[in-house]
Amino acid sequence: MSESIYRAISWISAQENGSKQPLIETLKKAPNLQYIISIALVVLSVLGVLMGELFNFELIISISLITLILGYLGILISPIVFALYYRQNIINFWKNPLSIIIGNAKKNHKADAIFVKYLSSRDNNDLELSLIEMKTERDAFEKRIALIVGVIDKVGLLPGIVAIFVSLPKIKAIDIDWVLAIAYAMPFLYFMGLWTHFLINKMSRHISLMEYALEQKSQ
């Protein structure tokens, strides 16, 4: 039955997501904490501007814009924090790039082998149908996200940064217009783009394993 194939896909996904560290310890890592703080600042800025507009309090709106700028700075410096935190891995990569690549390839090898072996024991028709459904869902998901996120993966936070600079001269008598709305929306679209890019890559990887299982069965 195809149901068992989807359970196997859920299992391999859980194996990839699995971590021996508690969630709190994972969140305490500097790169993860950096993103959490940046997101929190952006959320606070949005709440601040909503409160300011609701109560017609310009000071709160001005503070929210400053908070938004801090959120942008947090996102922009996150690669630096990441590089400092994983500096030893980066040094090892430059010493021997293949060792890191091979290590990443080995990471999920055992679980993938179990996954492919299980898929190879399934009925061909069920496996082919599940493969078609997975491809269809991936393509549909990618297109739906593209309608929302657009070309964020290409332009990044640039439109939001430009919108902030355009709005700065009127910070004392700020008016929430479409330019500033872009500044507030861009971080959420940016994080959505990162998250969906990760999901699409995972789906593509699972599809490749299913295709490999079918190829092995045909041989």
Protein backbone atom coordinates (compact mmCIF):
# COMPACT_ATOMS: atom_id res chain seq x y z
CA MET A 1 0.00 0.00 0.00
CA SER A 2 1.14 3.54 -0.72
CA GLU A 3 0.38 4.48 2.89
CA SER A 4 3.41 2.51 4.07
CA ILE A 5 5.60 4.37 1.59
CA TYR A 6 4.47 7.74 2.95
CA ARG A 7 5.16 6.50 6.50
CA ALA A 8 8.67 5.58 5.35
CA ILE A 9 9.14 9.08 3.90
CA SER A 10 8.02 10.57 7.23
CA TRP A 11 10.49 8.29 9.01
CA ILE A 12 13.47 9.31 6.86
CA SER A 13 12.51 12.96 7.32
CA ALA A 14 12.44 12.48 11.10
CA GLN A 15 15.86 10.81 10.95
CA GLU A 16 17.26 13.80 9.09
CA ASN A 17 15.74 16.22 11.60
CA GLY A 18 16.73 14.17 14.62
CA SER A 19 19.17 15.66 17.09
CA LYS A 20 20.68 14.13 20.22
CA GLN A 21 20.79 17.55 21.82
CA PRO A 22 17.75 18.87 23.73
CA LEU A 23 15.79 21.59 21.95
CA ILE A 24 16.87 24.23 24.50
CA GLU A 25 20.56 23.41 23.93
CA THR A 26 20.07 23.60 20.17
CA LEU A 27 18.39 27.01 20.44
CA LYS A 28 21.22 28.27 22.65
CA LYS A 29 23.72 27.90 19.83
CA ALA A 30 24.90 31.33 18.73
CA PRO A 31 23.69 31.13 15.08
CA ASN A 32 20.24 29.88 16.11
CA LEU A 33 20.00 32.42 18.92
CA GLN A 34 20.97 35.15 16.48
CA TYR A 35 18.06 34.30 14.19
CA ILE A 36 15.62 34.02 17.11
CA ILE A 37 16.61 37.46 18.42
CA SER A 38 16.35 38.97 14.92
CA ILE A 39 12.87 37.50 14.39
CA ALA A 40 11.79 38.67 17.87
CA LEU A 41 12.93 42.23 17.09
CA VAL A 42 11.00 42.25 13.82
CA VAL A 43 7.87 40.90 15.52
CA LEU A 44 8.16 43.51 18.27
CA SER A 45 8.55 46.25 15.68
CA VAL A 46 5.38 45.12 13.89
CA LEU A 47 3.45 45.00 17.19
CA GLY A 48 4.84 48.45 18.04
CA VAL A 49 3.74 50.04 14.79
CA LEU A 50 0.27 48.49 15.12
CA MET A 51 -0.06 49.84 18.66
CA GLY A 52 1.22 53.25 17.56
CA GLU A 53 -1.29 53.43 14.72
CA LEU A 54 -4.11 52.21 16.96
CA PHE A 55 -3.49 54.80 19.67
CA ASN A 56 -2.05 57.46 17.34
CA PHE A 57 1.21 57.53 19.31
CA GLU A 58 4.07 58.59 17.04
CA LEU A 59 6.79 57.82 19.61
CA ILE A 60 5.89 54.11 19.62
CA ILE A 61 5.97 54.07 15.81
CA SER A 62 9.41 55.69 15.82
CA ILE A 63 10.68 53.16 18.39
CA SER A 64 9.24 50.31 16.31
CA LEU A 65 11.16 51.53 13.27
CA ILE A 66 14.39 51.59 15.31
CA THR A 67 13.60 48.05 16.52
CA LEU A 68 13.04 47.01 12.91
CA ILE A 69 16.44 48.43 11.94
CA LEU A 70 18.05 46.40 14.77
CA GLY A 71 16.25 43.31 13.44
CA TYR A 72 17.68 43.94 9.97
CA LEU A 73 21.16 44.41 11.44
CA GLY A 74 20.76 41.11 13.28
CA ILE A 75 19.89 39.31 10.05
CA LEU A 76 22.74 40.98 8.14
CA ILE A 77 25.41 40.05 10.69
CA SER A 78 24.14 36.47 11.09
CA PRO A 79 26.66 35.14 8.49
CA ILE A 80 29.47 36.66 10.57
CA VAL A 81 28.13 35.01 13.74
CA PHE A 82 27.79 31.72 11.85
CA ALA A 83 31.38 31.97 10.55
CA LEU A 84 32.76 32.72 14.02
CA TYR A 85 30.80 29.92 15.68
CA TYR A 86 31.80 27.32 13.08
CA ARG A 87 35.27 28.76 12.46
CA GLN A 88 36.96 25.41 13.17
CA ASN A 89 34.78 23.67 10.57
CA ILE A 90 35.57 26.43 8.08
CA ILE A 91 39.31 26.07 8.80
CA ASN A 92 39.04 22.30 8.32
CA PHE A 93 37.17 22.86 5.08
CA TRP A 94 39.96 24.99 3.65
CA LYS A 95 42.54 22.44 4.79
CA ASN A 96 40.68 19.54 3.20
CA PRO A 97 37.40 20.47 1.45
CA LEU A 98 36.64 16.87 0.46
CA SER A 99 36.62 15.66 4.07
CA ILE A 100 33.69 17.97 4.92
CA ILE A 101 31.78 17.02 1.76
CA ILE A 102 32.38 13.30 2.37
CA GLY A 103 31.35 13.74 6.01
CA ASN A 104 28.07 15.34 4.94
CA ALA A 105 27.50 12.51 2.46
CA LYS A 106 28.10 9.90 5.17
CA LYS A 107 25.85 11.61 7.68
CA ASN A 108 22.54 10.16 6.43
CA HIS A 109 23.93 7.17 4.54
CA LYS A 110 22.78 4.52 7.02
CA ALA A 111 19.20 5.80 7.23
CA ASP A 112 19.06 6.27 3.45
CA ALA A 113 20.19 2.67 2.89
CA ILE A 114 17.37 1.41 5.15
CA PHE A 115 14.89 3.69 3.37
CA VAL A 116 15.91 2.53 -0.13
CA LYS A 117 15.90 -1.14 0.95
CA TYR A 118 12.38 -0.76 2.30
CA LEU A 119 11.15 1.04 -0.83
CA SER A 120 12.65 -1.72 -2.99
CA SER A 121 10.39 -4.21 -1.22
CA ARG A 122 7.24 -2.28 -2.13
CA ASP A 123 5.03 -2.88 -5.15
CA ASN A 124 6.22 -1.08 -8.29
CA ASN A 125 2.85 0.50 -9.01
CA ASP A 126 2.54 1.87 -5.48
CA LEU A 127 6.08 3.21 -5.57
CA GLU A 128 5.64 4.85 -8.98
CA LEU A 129 2.34 6.43 -7.96
CA SER A 130 3.86 7.74 -4.72
CA LEU A 131 6.78 9.16 -6.70
CA ILE A 132 4.41 10.99 -9.05
CA GLU A 133 2.45 12.38 -6.08
CA MET A 134 5.64 13.57 -4.37
CA LYS A 135 6.86 15.31 -7.54
CA THR A 136 3.48 16.92 -8.09
CA GLU A 137 3.28 18.18 -4.50
CA ARG A 138 6.83 19.52 -4.62
CA ASP A 139 6.22 21.43 -7.84
CA ALA A 140 2.88 22.79 -6.61
CA PHE A 141 4.40 23.83 -3.28
CA GLU A 142 7.29 25.56 -5.04
CA LYS A 143 4.92 27.50 -7.32
CA ARG A 144 2.64 28.55 -4.44
CA ILE A 145 5.60 29.83 -2.45
CA ALA A 146 6.98 31.63 -5.50
CA LEU A 147 3.73 33.62 -5.67
CA ILE A 148 4.29 34.82 -2.10
CA VAL A 149 8.05 35.09 -1.81
CA GLY A 150 8.77 35.95 -5.43
CA VAL A 151 12.45 36.64 -6.08
CA ILE A 152 13.50 37.09 -2.43
CA ASP A 153 16.19 34.44 -2.95
CA LYS A 154 17.77 36.71 -5.58
CA VAL A 155 17.34 40.21 -4.13
CA GLY A 156 17.41 39.28 -0.43
CA LEU A 157 16.68 42.06 2.04
CA LEU A 158 17.68 44.87 -0.33
CA PRO A 159 14.14 46.22 -0.96
CA GLY A 160 13.46 46.35 2.77
CA ILE A 161 16.77 48.11 3.50
CA VAL A 162 16.05 50.68 0.77
CA ALA A 163 12.55 51.21 2.20
CA ILE A 164 14.02 51.89 5.65
CA PHE A 165 16.46 54.49 4.30
CA VAL A 166 13.62 56.17 2.41
CA SER A 167 11.56 56.31 5.62
CA LEU A 168 14.31 57.53 7.95
CA PRO A 169 14.02 61.25 7.03
CA LYS A 170 10.41 61.29 8.21
CA ILE A 171 10.95 59.36 11.43
CA LYS A 172 9.72 62.30 13.55
CA ALA A 173 6.36 62.41 11.79
CA ILE A 174 6.23 58.94 10.39
CA ASP A 175 3.45 57.85 8.11
CA ILE A 176 2.85 54.15 7.49
CA ASP A 177 2.73 53.98 3.72
CA TRP A 178 3.46 51.23 1.21
CA VAL A 179 7.21 51.96 1.29
CA LEU A 180 7.44 51.31 5.03
CA ALA A 181 5.11 48.33 4.67
CA ILE A 182 7.77 46.76 2.43
CA ALA A 183 10.37 47.30 5.14
CA TYR A 184 8.21 45.49 7.71
CA ALA A 185 7.21 42.65 5.36
CA MET A 186 10.64 41.80 3.90
CA PRO A 187 12.12 39.98 6.93
CA PHE A 188 9.11 37.65 7.14
CA LEU A 189 9.32 36.92 3.41
CA TYR A 190 13.08 36.38 3.77
CA PHE A 191 12.70 33.79 6.54
CA MET A 192 9.83 32.14 4.66
CA GLY A 193 12.08 31.87 1.61
CA LEU A 194 14.85 30.22 3.67
CA TRP A 195 12.44 27.76 5.26
CA THR A 196 10.74 26.76 2.01
CA HIS A 197 14.10 26.41 0.24
CA PHE A 198 15.11 23.92 2.94
CA LEU A 199 11.83 21.98 2.58
CA ILE A 200 12.03 21.82 -1.22
CA ASN A 201 15.60 20.52 -1.04
CA LYS A 202 14.49 17.79 1.36
CA MET A 203 11.59 16.79 -0.88
CA SER A 204 13.91 16.65 -3.90
CA ARG A 205 16.29 14.42 -1.97
CA HIS A 206 13.51 12.01 -0.98
CA ILE A 207 12.33 11.93 -4.59
CA SER A 208 15.87 11.06 -5.74
CA LEU A 209 15.96 8.15 -3.26
CA MET A 210 12.60 6.90 -4.54
CA GLU A 211 13.84 7.11 -8.13
CA TYR A 212 16.96 5.18 -7.14
CA ALA A 213 14.84 2.47 -5.49
CA LEU A 214 12.78 2.10 -8.68
CA GLU A 215 15.96 1.92 -10.74
CA GLN A 216 17.32 -0.82 -8.48
CA LYS A 217 14.09 -2.79 -8.83
CA SER A 218 14.16 -2.49 -12.60
CA GLN A 219 17.63 -3.98 -12.69
